[in-house]
Protein backbone atom coordinates (compact mmCIF):
# COMPACT_ATOMS: atom_id res chain seq x y z
CA MET A 1 0.00 0.00 -0.01
CA GLY A 2 1.39 3.36 -1.00
CA ALA A 3 1.77 6.04 1.61
CA GLY A 4 -0.82 8.22 0.00
CA ALA A 5 -3.25 5.44 -1.09
CA ASP A 6 -6.86 5.58 -0.04
CA VAL A 7 -8.52 2.54 1.47
CA VAL A 8 -11.59 1.10 -0.26
CA PRO A 9 -14.69 2.52 1.41
CA ILE A 10 -16.57 0.20 3.78
CA CYS A 11 -20.06 1.02 4.97
CA TYR A 12 -20.97 0.83 8.61
CA ARG A 13 -24.57 0.97 9.82
CA ILE A 14 -25.57 2.64 13.05
CA GLY A 15 -28.91 1.50 14.31
CA VAL A 16 -31.33 1.13 11.44
CA GLU A 17 -31.35 4.36 9.56
CA ILE A 18 -27.96 6.03 9.55
CA SER A 19 -25.13 4.71 7.37
CA ILE A 20 -21.54 6.00 7.33
CA ALA A 21 -19.12 5.29 4.47
CA PRO A 22 -15.60 6.09 5.70
CA THR A 23 -12.38 6.27 3.61
CA ILE A 24 -8.92 6.65 5.09
CA ARG A 25 -6.61 9.46 3.76
CA ARG A 26 -3.83 11.77 4.80
CA ALA A 27 -4.96 14.81 6.75
CA GLN A 28 -4.74 18.12 4.97
CA PRO A 29 -4.21 21.65 6.44
CA SER A 30 -7.93 22.36 5.95
CA ASP A 31 -8.64 19.51 8.43
CA THR A 32 -6.93 21.35 11.30
CA ALA A 33 -10.05 22.63 13.06
CA ALA A 34 -12.03 19.40 12.66
CA LEU A 35 -9.12 17.22 13.75
CA THR A 36 -8.43 19.35 16.82
CA ASP A 37 -12.01 19.12 17.84
CA LEU A 38 -12.07 15.34 17.23
CA VAL A 39 -8.97 14.69 19.39
CA ASN A 40 -10.20 16.91 22.23
CA ARG A 41 -13.67 15.28 22.20
CA ALA A 42 -12.20 11.78 22.12
CA TYR A 43 -9.85 12.54 25.00
CA ALA A 44 -12.41 14.35 27.14
CA VAL A 45 -12.57 11.19 29.28
CA GLU A 46 -9.13 12.14 30.60
CA ALA A 47 -10.50 15.27 32.27
CA PHE A 48 -10.25 13.51 35.64
CA PHE A 49 -6.47 13.81 35.57
CA VAL A 50 -5.56 16.20 32.71
CA ASP A 51 -5.80 19.94 33.33
CA GLY A 52 -7.11 21.41 30.12
CA GLN A 53 -7.67 20.03 26.66
CA ARG A 54 -5.60 17.29 25.05
CA THR A 55 -4.28 19.29 22.10
CA THR A 56 -4.30 22.67 20.36
CA ALA A 57 -4.83 23.75 16.73
CA ASP A 58 -1.12 24.71 16.56
CA GLU A 59 0.03 21.24 17.56
CA ILE A 60 -2.36 19.52 15.14
CA ALA A 61 -1.35 21.86 12.31
CA GLY A 62 2.31 21.01 12.92
CA LEU A 63 1.57 17.29 12.88
CA ILE A 64 -0.41 17.63 9.70
CA ARG A 65 2.50 19.41 8.03
CA SER A 66 4.73 16.51 8.89
CA GLY A 67 2.32 14.23 7.04
CA GLY A 68 1.68 11.99 10.07
CA PHE A 69 -2.10 12.00 10.49
CA LEU A 70 -4.47 9.54 8.86
CA VAL A 71 -8.12 10.43 9.03
CA LEU A 72 -11.17 8.24 8.58
CA GLU A 73 -13.77 10.36 6.81
CA CYS A 74 -17.45 9.89 7.66
CA ALA A 75 -20.53 11.61 6.38
CA GLY A 76 -20.40 15.19 7.59
CA GLY A 77 -16.76 15.24 8.66
CA ILE A 78 -13.95 13.26 10.27
CA GLY A 79 -15.03 10.33 12.47
CA ALA A 80 -11.65 8.99 13.55
CA ALA A 81 -7.94 9.65 13.18
CA VAL A 82 -4.48 8.37 14.20
CA LEU A 83 -1.05 9.86 14.17
CA PHE A 84 1.40 7.53 12.33
CA GLU A 85 5.19 8.00 12.27
CA GLY A 86 7.49 5.63 10.36
CA PRO A 87 10.79 4.13 11.58
CA GLY A 88 13.03 6.74 13.13
CA GLU A 89 10.51 9.60 12.88
CA HIS A 90 9.34 9.65 16.49
CA ARG A 91 11.79 11.60 18.61
CA GLY A 92 10.47 10.14 21.91
CA LEU A 93 11.62 6.63 21.08
CA PRO A 94 14.91 5.30 22.49
CA PRO A 95 17.75 4.51 19.96
CA SER A 96 17.11 0.75 20.41
CA ALA A 97 13.63 1.24 18.91
CA TYR A 98 14.89 3.13 15.80
CA LEU A 99 13.41 0.43 13.51
CA GLY A 100 10.08 0.71 15.22
CA ALA A 101 7.15 2.74 13.85
CA TYR A 102 4.86 4.65 16.16
CA PHE A 103 1.25 5.64 16.39
CA GLY A 104 -0.57 7.87 18.84
CA MET A 105 -3.56 10.20 19.37
CA LEU A 106 -5.86 7.45 18.26
CA SER A 107 -9.23 9.26 18.36
CA VAL A 108 -12.83 8.24 17.57
CA LEU A 109 -15.85 10.52 17.99
CA PRO A 110 -17.67 9.46 21.19
CA GLU A 111 -20.89 8.74 19.26
CA LEU A 112 -19.01 6.37 16.88
CA GLN A 113 -17.06 4.43 19.49
CA GLY A 114 -17.68 0.71 19.76
CA MET A 115 -17.98 0.25 15.95
CA GLY A 116 -14.44 -1.08 15.41
CA LEU A 117 -13.14 2.15 13.76
CA GLY A 118 -10.20 2.47 16.19
CA GLY A 119 -9.10 -1.13 15.45
CA ARG A 120 -9.40 -0.46 11.73
CA LEU A 121 -7.06 2.52 11.96
CA VAL A 122 -4.57 0.54 14.04
CA ARG A 123 -4.51 -2.23 11.36
CA VAL A 124 -3.92 0.35 8.63
CA ALA A 125 -1.05 1.96 10.62
CA GLU A 126 0.49 -1.48 11.16
CA ALA A 127 0.25 -2.27 7.43
CA MET A 128 1.93 1.06 6.62
CA ALA A 129 4.66 0.33 9.20
CA GLU A 130 5.36 -3.09 7.64
CA ALA A 131 5.51 -1.46 4.20
CA THR A 132 8.19 0.98 5.43
CA GLY A 133 10.30 -1.81 6.90
CA ALA A 134 9.47 -1.33 10.57
CA THR A 135 10.18 -4.34 12.80
CA SER A 136 7.78 -3.19 15.51
CA MET A 137 4.98 -0.80 16.28
CA ARG A 138 5.04 1.18 19.46
CA LEU A 139 2.67 3.43 21.35
CA ARG A 140 2.25 5.17 24.69
CA VAL A 141 -0.75 4.96 27.09
CA ILE A 142 -1.25 6.89 30.26
CA ASN A 143 -1.09 4.51 33.20
CA LEU A 144 -4.40 5.78 34.53
CA ARG A 145 -6.17 4.49 31.35
CA GLY A 146 -6.33 0.84 32.36
CA GLU A 147 -9.07 0.06 29.84
CA LEU A 148 -6.80 1.19 26.98
CA VAL A 149 -3.92 -0.94 28.19
CA ARG A 150 -6.23 -3.96 28.22
CA TRP A 151 -7.55 -3.08 24.73
CA TYR A 152 -4.13 -2.79 23.26
CA ARG A 153 -3.16 -6.10 24.85
CA SER A 154 -6.09 -7.63 23.00
CA LEU A 155 -4.54 -6.36 19.72
CA GLY A 156 -1.16 -8.05 20.51
CA TYR A 157 0.68 -5.16 22.24
CA ARG A 158 2.73 -5.74 25.38
CA GLU A 159 4.25 -3.41 28.00
CA VAL A 160 7.93 -2.71 27.34
CA GLY A 161 8.69 0.18 29.65
CA THR A 162 7.55 3.52 31.11
CA ALA A 163 8.22 7.17 30.49
CA PRO A 164 7.41 10.45 32.28
CA TYR A 165 4.38 12.47 31.21
CA HIS A 166 5.33 16.05 30.23
CA HIS A 167 2.60 16.87 27.79
CA GLY A 168 0.81 19.32 30.12
CA SER A 169 -0.31 20.02 33.66
CA VAL A 170 -2.14 17.23 35.46
CA LYS A 171 -4.48 16.91 38.45
CA ARG A 172 -3.08 13.53 39.50
CA PRO A 173 0.42 11.99 39.19
CA CYS A 174 0.70 9.81 36.08
CA HIS A 175 3.17 8.45 33.59
CA PHE A 176 3.23 6.73 30.21
CA ILE A 177 3.24 3.00 29.73
CA GLU A 178 5.14 2.14 26.58
CA MET A 179 3.78 -0.79 24.55
CA ALA A 180 5.04 -2.55 21.48
CA LYS A 181 4.09 -5.27 18.99
CA SER A 182 6.45 -7.15 16.68
CA LEU A 183 5.80 -6.76 12.95
CA MET A 184 7.03 -8.58 9.85
CA PRO A 185 8.22 -6.05 7.26
CA ILE A 186 7.14 -6.82 3.75
CA SER A 187 10.69 -7.48 2.59
CA THR A 188 11.19 -9.99 5.39
CA ALA A 189 7.88 -11.68 4.63
CA TYR A 190 8.82 -11.86 0.92
CA ALA A 191 12.20 -13.35 1.71
CA ALA A 192 10.65 -15.97 3.93
CA THR A 193 8.11 -16.89 1.29
CA SER A 194 10.75 -16.99 -1.42
CA GLY A 195 12.91 -19.28 0.70
CA GLU A 196 10.04 -21.70 1.19
CA VAL A 197 9.26 -21.79 -2.55
CA GLY A 198 12.91 -22.30 -3.45
CA ALA A 199 13.25 -25.20 -1.06
CA ALA A 200 10.23 -26.96 -2.51
């Protein structure tokens, strides 16, 4: 899959009357306001320990300029999004993780949660990571979000360390839990398949 390729639309039905047909694409500067609102709404559940909103338009605009955001478009706007950074692009990762890709800010509108859209974006990010040669995918979760840790475990991620939380002021002490999942880059998968065919 090319970095700029769109994903074939899939229709999701909510209830009986409302259908949403999302496609995944790279975020554009014109998405800044909608994407900022999406992230802040999705992360409003963290108000019990975060003082203020999760992000700002300036931060989102900078991340869009770097080409890192993938958005899932729904009727009437953006329904979900994820920040994706290829191997070596995330400055917060230790040198030992240089070949690891990273995703963060996974956000789904509250009214669309529970439909599998977040998992779909994670799978797309993992596929992109494998296409760029990443050997692992990494992410960070606040330790106070136990439900997210459990959800990422269900997707194959495991805790690999911790890191301090410096994103903004907080009402309660907290830190990041770093999680990772091993990937098979396309080149490695191809080599393994070729070896099997050659030995036959």
